[in-house]
Amino acid sequence: MSLLRKATQINKSVMAAMSKSLIAFLAFQAIFLFVVIKWSRNAVIVSIGPSSVKLQVKDRSELTGLVHGGNLPTSRSKYFSQSFTRDTNQGGTAVLAGNLPTPWSNFQSQLVTRSEAKCDRPVTNFVFIKVHKTASGSTFMVLGRFGRNHDMTICYPARRSKARHKTLSYPSGKLIRKDCNPAYGRNYTLLLHHSIMNKPAMDGIMEPGTKYIGIMREPLSHFRSIFFWEQRILRHKTNPLGTFLNINENFDLRNKQPYSKHRNFQAHYLGFPTKYMTSKNTSQLYEAIRTVAGWYSMVIITEYWEESLVLLRRTFCWTMFDILHSTRRLHRLKTRKERVTLTDKQKETHKRMSNIDYMMYDYFNNTFWQRVSEEGPEFWEEFTYYRTLNGEVNQHCNSARGEKVFPAGKWSREFVINSTFCHELRKWGEGKWAVSCRDVVNRQNEEMRKKNPQLDE
């Protein structure tokens, strides 16, 4: 009996211990579930389409305070797992926040490493679809310098009576060889001026194998910038942005004009088919977006402009020197009116008006971060190196005029900058770089004339 009594006591002790463990386990599960639900309420799941990967992104309203199109966005993303954010200050302008995501080990373990393809040679024939008010001016200057330095043949707007020398196929989308200054005996390898994406027409005048670069900006931020750039009637009201959106509160998607500067402007620029812009078939819209995306080797995201340049460098096999840029601000949000807070209802009105822009931005923004993730942790090492190097170059150009050697590093070959480089970096704008590229073509034409005098006949 004593043995039976002892066995019973042991059994009760074991059951009590198991009960306590079970209670502790259930309590832990409840706390974990509460944290997950609480966290998920602070994030928005953005779907890229019926068969796409879903990523965690912050509310788009955080991105409304960007500076105007030519400005160099300086705020950095904070990358935790698959969550991407942009920091802005309360006034709405960009905040300088150049530090890497922390802790480093946390995000390093989340990324997928892939073997990097070795570059045979740099890409030296490309088209840049220059969209108004997207930092496209700053991008133009980086790409223009690359084109000049590599003797690329630019399609420079022809000097005809009604030609506007900042545009090519904008706003019509039509483009023929005569729209460009002549290039004797060869196709063009560089197109930078404002043009609506028309791939068949562009392929017809460009060198075979030409790559295409696009650029997109968060739609509401883009709307703020472009509104004050061209809106003259409502500009002097207390809240012109809100007034404009209130007027369009009952906007009908079946409006006969599917695009304008305030409606799907970026999508139109990048080549989204006009005939689908009023469609309510979501699958059809996503299929059209995927078709457009297939044309581009790279789509720069304005909010992550410097990250985009590093990814472009890797994609096109360029050097670190090729993507150096000026850190001076070209445009700023000038007045409170431009930074005014919009109501949720007004934001929803704009989303209805520019629904394709929002869909395309979400698509390209998410695919951009997928590509960054595929580059592995070394991408962020290179990005930090690039920002430091670019800062040192600008510091030298702003404080001295002499020659300076920048030694080779893990991500860069040795290069030398001098007073000429610094002058171009600090003083030259789009016009200067465009003319410099045109002069390359004129020199090429002169060489062709010497070889073939019949060209002058």
Protein backbone atom coordinates (compact mmCIF):
# COMPACT_ATOMS: atom_id res chain seq x y z
CA MET A 1 0.00 0.00 0.00
CA SER A 2 2.86 2.32 0.77
CA LEU A 3 4.22 1.84 -2.73
CA LEU A 4 0.80 2.60 -4.24
CA ARG A 5 0.50 5.74 -2.08
CA LYS A 6 3.95 6.96 -3.21
CA ALA A 7 3.12 6.33 -6.87
CA THR A 8 -0.10 8.30 -6.49
CA GLN A 9 1.76 11.24 -4.94
CA ILE A 10 4.38 11.21 -7.73
CA ASN A 11 1.64 11.14 -10.36
CA LYS A 12 -0.08 14.16 -8.76
CA SER A 13 3.23 16.07 -8.71
CA VAL A 14 3.87 15.35 -12.39
CA MET A 15 0.34 16.42 -13.35
CA ALA A 16 0.71 19.67 -11.37
CA ALA A 17 4.01 20.44 -13.08
CA MET A 18 2.51 19.73 -16.51
CA SER A 19 -0.47 21.98 -15.75
CA LYS A 20 1.85 24.86 -14.85
CA SER A 21 3.86 24.35 -18.06
CA LEU A 22 0.67 24.25 -20.13
CA ILE A 23 -0.61 27.46 -18.53
CA ALA A 24 2.73 29.19 -19.16
CA PHE A 25 2.75 28.02 -22.78
CA LEU A 26 -0.81 29.23 -23.41
CA ALA A 27 -0.01 32.59 -21.79
CA PHE A 28 3.03 32.99 -24.06
CA GLN A 29 0.92 32.18 -27.13
CA ALA A 30 -1.70 34.75 -26.12
CA ILE A 31 0.93 37.47 -25.66
CA PHE A 32 2.56 36.60 -28.98
CA LEU A 33 -0.80 36.71 -30.80
CA PHE A 34 -1.61 40.10 -29.23
CA VAL A 35 1.75 41.57 -30.35
CA VAL A 36 1.29 40.28 -33.93
CA ILE A 37 -2.22 41.75 -34.19
CA LYS A 38 -1.08 45.05 -32.69
CA TRP A 39 1.84 45.29 -35.11
CA SER A 40 -0.17 44.34 -38.16
CA ARG A 41 -2.59 47.22 -37.55
CA ASN A 42 0.28 49.68 -38.04
CA ALA A 43 1.22 48.35 -41.44
CA VAL A 44 -0.51 48.14 -44.79
CA ILE A 45 -0.21 45.05 -46.96
CA VAL A 46 0.35 46.10 -50.56
CA SER A 47 -0.38 43.48 -53.17
CA ILE A 48 1.45 43.71 -56.49
CA GLY A 49 -1.18 41.74 -58.29
CA PRO A 50 -2.95 38.42 -58.29
CA SER A 51 0.18 36.24 -58.38
CA SER A 52 2.65 38.52 -56.66
CA VAL A 53 4.60 38.59 -53.43
CA LYS A 54 3.16 40.78 -50.67
CA LEU A 55 5.47 43.12 -48.79
CA GLN A 56 5.01 45.21 -45.67
CA VAL A 57 5.17 48.93 -46.38
CA LYS A 58 4.29 51.94 -44.27
CA ASP A 59 1.30 54.13 -44.97
CA ARG A 60 1.90 56.10 -48.16
CA SER A 61 0.89 59.33 -46.41
CA GLU A 62 4.36 59.45 -44.81
CA LEU A 63 5.81 60.14 -48.25
CA THR A 64 3.96 63.37 -49.00
CA GLY A 65 6.64 65.84 -47.94
CA LEU A 66 9.30 65.32 -50.58
CA VAL A 67 11.11 68.21 -52.16
CA HIS A 68 10.51 69.23 -55.75
CA GLY A 69 11.52 67.28 -58.81
CA GLY A 70 15.13 68.34 -59.13
CA ASN A 71 16.04 67.96 -55.48
CA LEU A 72 18.26 65.18 -54.26
CA PRO A 73 16.32 63.25 -51.62
CA THR A 74 18.65 62.72 -48.69
CA SER A 75 16.56 60.70 -46.31
CA ARG A 76 17.29 56.99 -46.23
CA SER A 77 15.09 53.99 -45.83
CA LYS A 78 15.12 51.91 -42.66
CA TYR A 79 15.20 48.31 -43.71
CA PHE A 80 13.90 45.75 -41.23
CA SER A 81 13.10 42.37 -42.71
CA GLN A 82 10.66 43.29 -45.52
CA SER A 83 9.41 46.60 -44.13
CA PHE A 84 10.48 49.77 -45.89
CA THR A 85 9.89 53.30 -44.61
CA ARG A 86 10.82 56.87 -45.43
CA ASP A 87 11.62 59.41 -42.70
CA THR A 88 10.27 62.94 -43.05
CA ASN A 89 10.12 65.76 -40.55
CA GLN A 90 6.89 67.36 -39.43
CA GLY A 91 7.33 70.30 -41.78
CA GLY A 92 7.22 67.96 -44.73
CA THR A 93 10.70 68.41 -46.20
CA ALA A 94 13.27 65.65 -46.49
CA VAL A 95 15.34 64.78 -43.44
CA LEU A 96 19.02 63.91 -43.61
CA ALA A 97 19.26 60.43 -42.14
CA GLY A 98 22.13 58.60 -43.73
CA ASN A 99 22.84 55.85 -41.22
CA LEU A 100 22.42 52.21 -42.08
CA PRO A 101 19.54 50.12 -40.76
CA THR A 102 20.20 48.82 -37.25
CA PRO A 103 20.93 46.43 -35.82
CA TRP A 104 23.06 45.28 -38.75
CA SER A 105 22.89 41.59 -37.83
CA ASN A 106 19.08 41.69 -37.75
CA PHE A 107 18.61 42.64 -41.36
CA GLN A 108 21.74 40.87 -42.60
CA SER A 109 20.26 37.51 -41.65
CA GLN A 110 17.00 38.30 -43.47
CA LEU A 111 18.46 39.00 -46.90
CA VAL A 112 18.92 36.54 -49.72
CA THR A 113 22.45 36.39 -51.08
CA ARG A 114 22.93 35.67 -54.77
CA SER A 115 26.09 35.22 -56.78
CA GLU A 116 26.81 38.43 -58.68
CA ALA A 117 27.04 38.25 -62.44
CA LYS A 118 30.40 39.44 -63.69
CA CYS A 119 30.20 42.46 -65.99
CA ASP A 120 31.82 42.14 -69.38
CA ARG A 121 31.52 45.86 -70.14
CA PRO A 122 29.41 48.86 -69.10
CA VAL A 123 26.08 49.63 -70.74
CA THR A 124 26.65 52.58 -73.08
CA ASN A 125 23.35 52.81 -74.92
CA PHE A 126 20.21 53.75 -73.02
CA VAL A 127 17.04 55.85 -72.99
CA PHE A 128 16.00 57.77 -69.87
CA ILE A 129 12.29 58.57 -69.64
CA LYS A 130 12.52 61.97 -67.98
CA VAL A 131 9.29 62.53 -66.04
CA HIS A 132 8.53 66.06 -64.80
CA LYS A 133 9.08 66.68 -61.07
CA THR A 134 10.58 63.34 -60.06
CA ALA A 135 14.25 64.31 -59.47
CA SER A 136 14.63 63.71 -63.19
CA GLY A 137 16.74 66.86 -63.56
CA SER A 138 19.34 65.56 -61.11
CA THR A 139 19.26 62.18 -62.85
CA PHE A 140 19.65 63.88 -66.25
CA MET A 141 22.90 65.49 -65.09
CA VAL A 142 24.39 62.22 -63.82
CA LEU A 143 23.44 60.40 -67.03
CA GLY A 144 24.48 63.33 -69.22
CA ARG A 145 27.97 63.34 -67.74
CA PHE A 146 28.21 59.59 -68.31
CA GLY A 147 27.10 60.06 -71.93
CA ARG A 148 29.62 62.83 -72.58
CA ASN A 149 32.46 60.90 -70.94
CA HIS A 150 31.71 57.79 -73.02
CA ASP A 151 31.22 59.57 -76.37
CA MET A 152 27.60 58.48 -76.63
CA THR A 153 25.49 59.74 -79.53
CA ILE A 154 22.64 61.77 -78.06
CA CYS A 155 19.27 62.31 -79.71
CA TYR A 156 19.32 66.08 -79.15
CA PRO A 157 16.12 67.99 -80.08
CA ALA A 158 16.46 69.30 -83.64
CA ARG A 159 16.54 73.07 -84.14
CA ARG A 160 13.24 73.54 -85.90
CA SER A 161 11.08 76.62 -85.71
CA LYS A 162 8.69 75.29 -83.06
CA ALA A 163 11.09 72.93 -81.31
CA ARG A 164 11.31 73.17 -77.54
CA HIS A 165 14.84 72.18 -76.67
CA LYS A 166 13.91 70.57 -73.36
CA THR A 167 11.53 68.08 -74.96
CA LEU A 168 11.43 65.48 -77.71
CA SER A 169 8.24 63.42 -77.89
CA TYR A 170 6.46 65.23 -75.06
CA PRO A 171 3.49 65.60 -74.97
CA SER A 172 2.50 63.86 -78.23
CA GLY A 173 4.50 60.64 -77.87
CA LYS A 174 5.42 60.78 -81.56
CA LEU A 175 9.11 60.45 -82.40
CA ILE A 176 10.96 60.16 -85.70
CA ARG A 177 14.63 60.47 -86.57
CA LYS A 178 14.19 64.03 -87.88
CA ASP A 179 13.17 65.14 -84.39
CA CYS A 180 16.83 64.70 -83.39
CA ASN A 181 19.93 66.50 -84.59
CA PRO A 182 21.56 64.40 -87.34
CA ALA A 183 23.98 61.60 -86.52
CA TYR A 184 25.65 60.56 -89.75
CA GLY A 185 26.08 56.86 -90.40
CA ARG A 186 24.95 55.58 -87.03
CA ASN A 187 22.02 55.18 -84.66
CA TYR A 188 21.61 57.10 -81.42
CA THR A 189 22.86 55.62 -78.16
CA LEU A 190 21.53 58.22 -75.71
CA LEU A 191 18.11 59.85 -75.21
CA LEU A 192 17.56 62.03 -72.13
CA HIS A 193 15.09 64.82 -72.94
CA HIS A 194 11.41 64.78 -71.95
CA SER A 195 9.72 62.06 -74.00
CA ILE A 196 6.64 59.90 -73.65
CA MET A 197 7.66 56.26 -73.72
CA ASN A 198 7.09 54.93 -77.24
CA LYS A 199 9.21 51.81 -77.46
CA PRO A 200 8.65 50.94 -81.15
CA ALA A 201 9.50 54.50 -82.24
CA MET A 202 12.50 54.71 -79.91
CA ASP A 203 13.82 51.30 -80.91
CA GLY A 204 13.64 52.55 -84.50
CA ILE A 205 16.21 55.32 -83.95
CA MET A 206 18.31 53.82 -81.15
CA GLU A 207 21.16 51.33 -81.36
CA PRO A 208 19.96 47.69 -81.08
CA GLY A 209 20.04 46.43 -77.51
CA THR A 210 19.30 49.84 -75.99
CA LYS A 211 18.30 49.70 -72.32
CA TYR A 212 15.48 51.79 -70.83
CA ILE A 213 15.56 53.66 -67.51
CA GLY A 214 12.38 55.04 -65.91
CA ILE A 215 11.73 57.08 -62.79
CA MET A 216 8.71 57.35 -60.45
CA ARG A 217 7.78 59.43 -57.43
CA GLU A 218 5.17 58.76 -54.75
CA PRO A 219 1.98 60.03 -56.45
CA LEU A 220 0.67 62.39 -53.76
CA SER A 221 4.10 63.96 -53.34
CA HIS A 222 4.36 64.26 -57.11
CA PHE A 223 0.94 65.91 -57.22
CA ARG A 224 2.02 68.55 -54.68
CA SER A 225 5.12 69.37 -56.68
CA ILE A 226 3.58 69.49 -60.14
CA PHE A 227 0.50 71.38 -58.92
CA PHE A 228 2.54 74.37 -57.75
CA TRP A 229 4.79 74.11 -60.79
CA GLU A 230 1.99 74.78 -63.26
CA GLN A 231 -1.29 75.57 -61.44
CA ARG A 232 -1.93 79.32 -61.75
CA ILE A 233 -5.64 79.78 -61.08
CA LEU A 234 -5.83 78.31 -57.55
CA ARG A 235 -2.28 79.04 -56.41
CA HIS A 236 -3.16 82.08 -54.28
CA LYS A 237 -5.97 80.47 -52.26
CA THR A 238 -5.39 79.57 -48.60
CA ASN A 239 -5.32 75.83 -49.31
CA PRO A 240 -5.06 75.48 -53.10
CA LEU A 241 -4.33 71.75 -53.02
CA GLY A 242 -7.37 71.03 -50.85
CA THR A 243 -9.54 73.37 -52.93
CA PHE A 244 -8.57 71.57 -56.14
CA LEU A 245 -9.31 68.15 -54.65
CA ASN A 246 -12.62 69.33 -53.18
CA ILE A 247 -13.66 70.54 -56.63
CA ASN A 248 -12.88 67.04 -57.96
CA GLU A 249 -14.49 65.20 -55.03
CA ASN A 250 -17.02 63.52 -57.30
CA PHE A 251 -14.42 62.71 -59.95
CA ASP A 252 -15.61 60.09 -62.42
CA LEU A 253 -13.06 57.52 -63.61
CA ARG A 254 -14.90 57.44 -66.93
CA ASN A 255 -13.77 61.01 -67.58
CA LYS A 256 -12.97 61.37 -71.28
CA GLN A 257 -9.45 62.62 -70.51
CA PRO A 258 -7.69 59.57 -68.96
CA TYR A 259 -4.54 61.48 -68.05
CA SER A 260 -3.36 65.01 -67.30
CA LYS A 261 -0.70 66.65 -65.14
CA HIS A 262 -2.92 65.83 -62.14
CA ARG A 263 -4.17 62.45 -63.26
CA ASN A 264 -2.02 59.39 -64.00
CA PHE A 265 0.68 61.68 -65.38
CA GLN A 266 3.60 59.41 -64.50
CA ALA A 267 1.87 56.31 -65.86
CA HIS A 268 1.27 58.10 -69.16
CA TYR A 269 4.91 59.20 -69.32
CA LEU A 270 6.17 55.66 -68.71
CA GLY A 271 4.02 54.26 -71.50
CA PHE A 272 0.94 52.81 -69.81
CA PRO A 273 -1.64 52.18 -72.59
CA THR A 274 -4.16 55.01 -72.72
CA LYS A 275 -6.96 52.64 -73.74
CA TYR A 276 -6.77 50.83 -70.38
CA MET A 277 -6.61 53.88 -68.11
CA THR A 278 -10.36 53.98 -67.50
CA SER A 279 -10.69 50.21 -67.08
CA LYS A 280 -12.15 48.84 -63.85
CA ASN A 281 -10.76 45.36 -64.53
CA THR A 282 -7.98 45.02 -61.93
CA SER A 283 -6.43 41.95 -63.57
CA GLN A 284 -6.26 43.80 -66.88
CA LEU A 285 -4.59 46.79 -65.24
CA TYR A 286 -1.96 44.66 -63.50
CA GLU A 287 -1.26 42.79 -66.72
CA ALA A 288 -0.69 46.12 -68.49
CA ILE A 289 1.62 47.26 -65.67
CA ARG A 290 3.67 44.08 -65.96
CA THR A 291 3.97 44.63 -69.71
CA VAL A 292 5.23 48.18 -69.17
CA ALA A 293 7.63 46.99 -66.46
CA GLY A 294 9.13 44.52 -68.93
CA TRP A 295 10.44 47.37 -71.05
CA TYR A 296 12.66 48.81 -68.32
CA SER A 297 16.01 47.56 -67.08
CA MET A 298 15.77 49.98 -64.17
CA VAL A 299 13.11 52.23 -62.65
CA ILE A 300 14.55 54.81 -60.26
CA ILE A 301 12.47 55.52 -57.14
CA THR A 302 12.66 59.23 -56.29
CA GLU A 303 12.31 58.64 -52.55
CA TYR A 304 15.35 56.36 -52.69
CA TRP A 305 17.32 58.20 -55.33
CA GLU A 306 20.83 57.38 -54.12
CA GLU A 307 19.96 53.73 -53.46
CA SER A 308 18.64 53.67 -57.03
CA LEU A 309 21.93 55.02 -58.38
CA VAL A 310 23.86 52.28 -56.60
CA LEU A 311 21.51 49.64 -58.02
CA LEU A 312 21.83 51.25 -61.46
CA ARG A 313 25.62 51.11 -61.16
CA ARG A 314 25.46 47.41 -60.39
CA THR A 315 22.90 46.68 -63.10
CA PHE A 316 24.74 48.60 -65.84
CA CYS A 317 28.28 47.64 -64.80
CA TRP A 318 29.33 51.25 -64.18
CA THR A 319 32.01 52.61 -61.86
CA MET A 320 31.47 54.54 -58.65
CA PHE A 321 32.83 57.63 -60.41
CA ASP A 322 29.99 57.39 -62.95
CA ILE A 323 27.29 58.03 -60.33
CA LEU A 324 28.88 60.90 -58.38
CA HIS A 325 26.45 63.81 -58.04
CA SER A 326 26.15 67.28 -56.58
CA THR A 327 24.64 67.45 -53.10
CA ARG A 328 23.27 70.97 -53.54
CA ARG A 329 19.49 71.27 -53.48
CA LEU A 330 17.97 72.41 -56.74
CA HIS A 331 14.41 72.96 -55.54
CA ARG A 332 12.68 73.27 -52.19
CA LEU A 333 9.13 73.39 -50.94
CA LYS A 334 8.88 77.16 -50.73
CA THR A 335 5.66 77.91 -48.84
CA ARG A 336 3.34 76.50 -46.21
CA LYS A 337 0.73 76.07 -48.92
CA GLU A 338 2.87 73.41 -50.54
CA ARG A 339 3.23 71.51 -47.25
CA VAL A 340 -0.38 71.86 -46.14
CA THR A 341 -1.98 68.78 -44.60
CA LEU A 342 -4.70 67.16 -46.68
CA THR A 343 -7.73 65.40 -45.22
CA ASP A 344 -8.21 61.67 -45.66
CA LYS A 345 -11.12 62.42 -47.98
CA GLN A 346 -8.94 64.65 -50.17
CA LYS A 347 -6.25 61.98 -50.33
CA GLU A 348 -8.84 59.40 -51.36
CA THR A 349 -10.01 61.76 -54.10
CA HIS A 350 -6.49 61.92 -55.49
CA LYS A 351 -6.16 58.13 -55.31
CA ARG A 352 -9.30 57.82 -57.42
CA MET A 353 -8.05 60.41 -59.89
CA SER A 354 -4.57 58.85 -60.27
CA ASN A 355 -5.34 55.21 -59.56
CA ILE A 356 -2.89 53.92 -62.21
CA ASP A 357 -0.05 56.06 -60.83
CA TYR A 358 -0.61 54.58 -57.37
CA MET A 359 -0.71 51.02 -58.72
CA MET A 360 2.44 51.51 -60.80
CA TYR A 361 4.31 53.19 -57.96
CA ASP A 362 3.49 50.34 -55.58
CA TYR A 363 4.60 47.83 -58.21
CA PHE A 364 7.92 49.50 -59.02
CA ASN A 365 8.68 50.41 -55.40
CA ASN A 366 8.18 46.84 -54.24
CA THR A 367 10.10 45.27 -57.11
CA PHE A 368 12.90 47.76 -56.45
CA TRP A 369 13.24 46.49 -52.88
CA GLN A 370 13.06 42.91 -54.03
CA ARG A 371 16.05 43.60 -56.28
CA VAL A 372 17.93 45.30 -53.45
CA SER A 373 17.25 42.27 -51.23
CA GLU A 374 18.61 39.97 -53.93
CA GLU A 375 21.85 41.96 -54.02
CA GLY A 376 22.59 40.80 -50.48
CA PRO A 377 24.09 42.63 -47.48
CA GLU A 378 27.02 43.94 -49.51
CA PHE A 379 24.62 46.34 -51.22
CA TRP A 380 24.35 48.33 -47.99
CA GLU A 381 28.11 48.27 -47.47
CA GLU A 382 28.51 49.69 -50.96
CA PHE A 383 25.76 52.24 -50.39
CA THR A 384 27.46 53.55 -47.25
CA TYR A 385 30.79 53.69 -49.09
CA TYR A 386 29.16 55.58 -51.97
CA ARG A 387 27.53 58.21 -49.75
CA THR A 388 30.80 58.78 -47.90
CA LEU A 389 32.80 59.01 -51.12
CA ASN A 390 30.28 61.35 -52.77
CA GLY A 391 30.30 63.57 -49.68
CA GLU A 392 34.09 63.79 -49.73
CA VAL A 393 34.09 64.69 -53.43
CA ASN A 394 31.54 67.47 -52.85
CA GLN A 395 33.42 68.72 -49.80
CA HIS A 396 36.61 69.00 -51.84
CA CYS A 397 34.85 70.75 -54.73
CA ASN A 398 33.18 73.23 -52.36
CA SER A 399 36.36 74.13 -50.49
CA ALA A 400 39.22 73.80 -52.98
CA ARG A 401 39.96 73.92 -56.68
CA GLY A 402 43.06 71.78 -56.87
CA GLU A 403 43.49 68.25 -58.07
CA LYS A 404 42.80 65.38 -55.70
CA VAL A 405 43.37 61.65 -56.03
CA PHE A 406 40.76 59.33 -54.53
CA PRO A 407 42.41 55.95 -53.95
CA ALA A 408 40.88 52.65 -54.97
CA GLY A 409 38.63 50.95 -52.47
CA LYS A 410 36.53 47.82 -52.27
CA TRP A 411 33.84 49.42 -54.44
CA SER A 412 35.80 51.93 -56.49
CA ARG A 413 38.80 52.27 -58.76
CA GLU A 414 41.26 55.08 -58.20
CA PHE A 415 40.17 58.34 -59.84
CA VAL A 416 41.29 61.97 -59.95
CA ILE A 417 39.12 65.08 -59.80
CA ASN A 418 40.31 68.54 -60.80
CA SER A 419 38.97 72.08 -61.05
CA THR A 420 37.15 71.31 -64.32
CA PHE A 421 35.29 68.39 -62.77
CA CYS A 422 34.38 70.49 -59.73
CA HIS A 423 33.13 73.37 -61.88
CA GLU A 424 30.88 71.03 -63.84
CA LEU A 425 29.63 69.33 -60.67
CA ARG A 426 28.79 72.60 -58.91
CA LYS A 427 27.73 74.90 -61.74
CA TRP A 428 26.41 72.93 -64.67
CA GLY A 429 22.69 72.26 -65.09
CA GLU A 430 20.71 70.17 -67.56
CA GLY A 431 21.23 72.61 -70.42
CA LYS A 432 25.01 72.59 -70.14
CA TRP A 433 25.19 68.82 -70.04
CA ALA A 434 22.82 68.48 -72.99
CA VAL A 435 24.90 70.87 -75.10
CA SER A 436 28.08 69.06 -74.05
CA CYS A 437 26.57 65.78 -75.27
CA ARG A 438 25.43 67.46 -78.50
CA ASP A 439 28.99 68.70 -79.08
CA VAL A 440 30.15 65.07 -78.96
CA VAL A 441 27.73 64.25 -81.79
CA ASN A 442 28.88 67.28 -83.80
CA ARG A 443 32.48 66.13 -83.45
CA GLN A 444 31.49 62.63 -84.54
CA ASN A 445 29.68 64.10 -87.56
CA GLU A 446 32.76 66.14 -88.49
CA GLU A 447 34.90 63.02 -88.41
CA MET A 448 32.37 61.25 -90.65
CA ARG A 449 32.44 64.16 -93.11
CA LYS A 450 36.21 63.90 -93.41
CA LYS A 451 35.90 60.21 -94.22
CA ASN A 452 32.93 60.73 -96.56
CA PRO A 453 32.79 64.23 -98.15
CA GLN A 454 29.55 63.29 -99.95
CA LEU A 455 27.65 63.78 -96.68
CA ASP A 456 27.81 67.57 -97.26
CA GLU A 457 26.22 67.34 -100.70
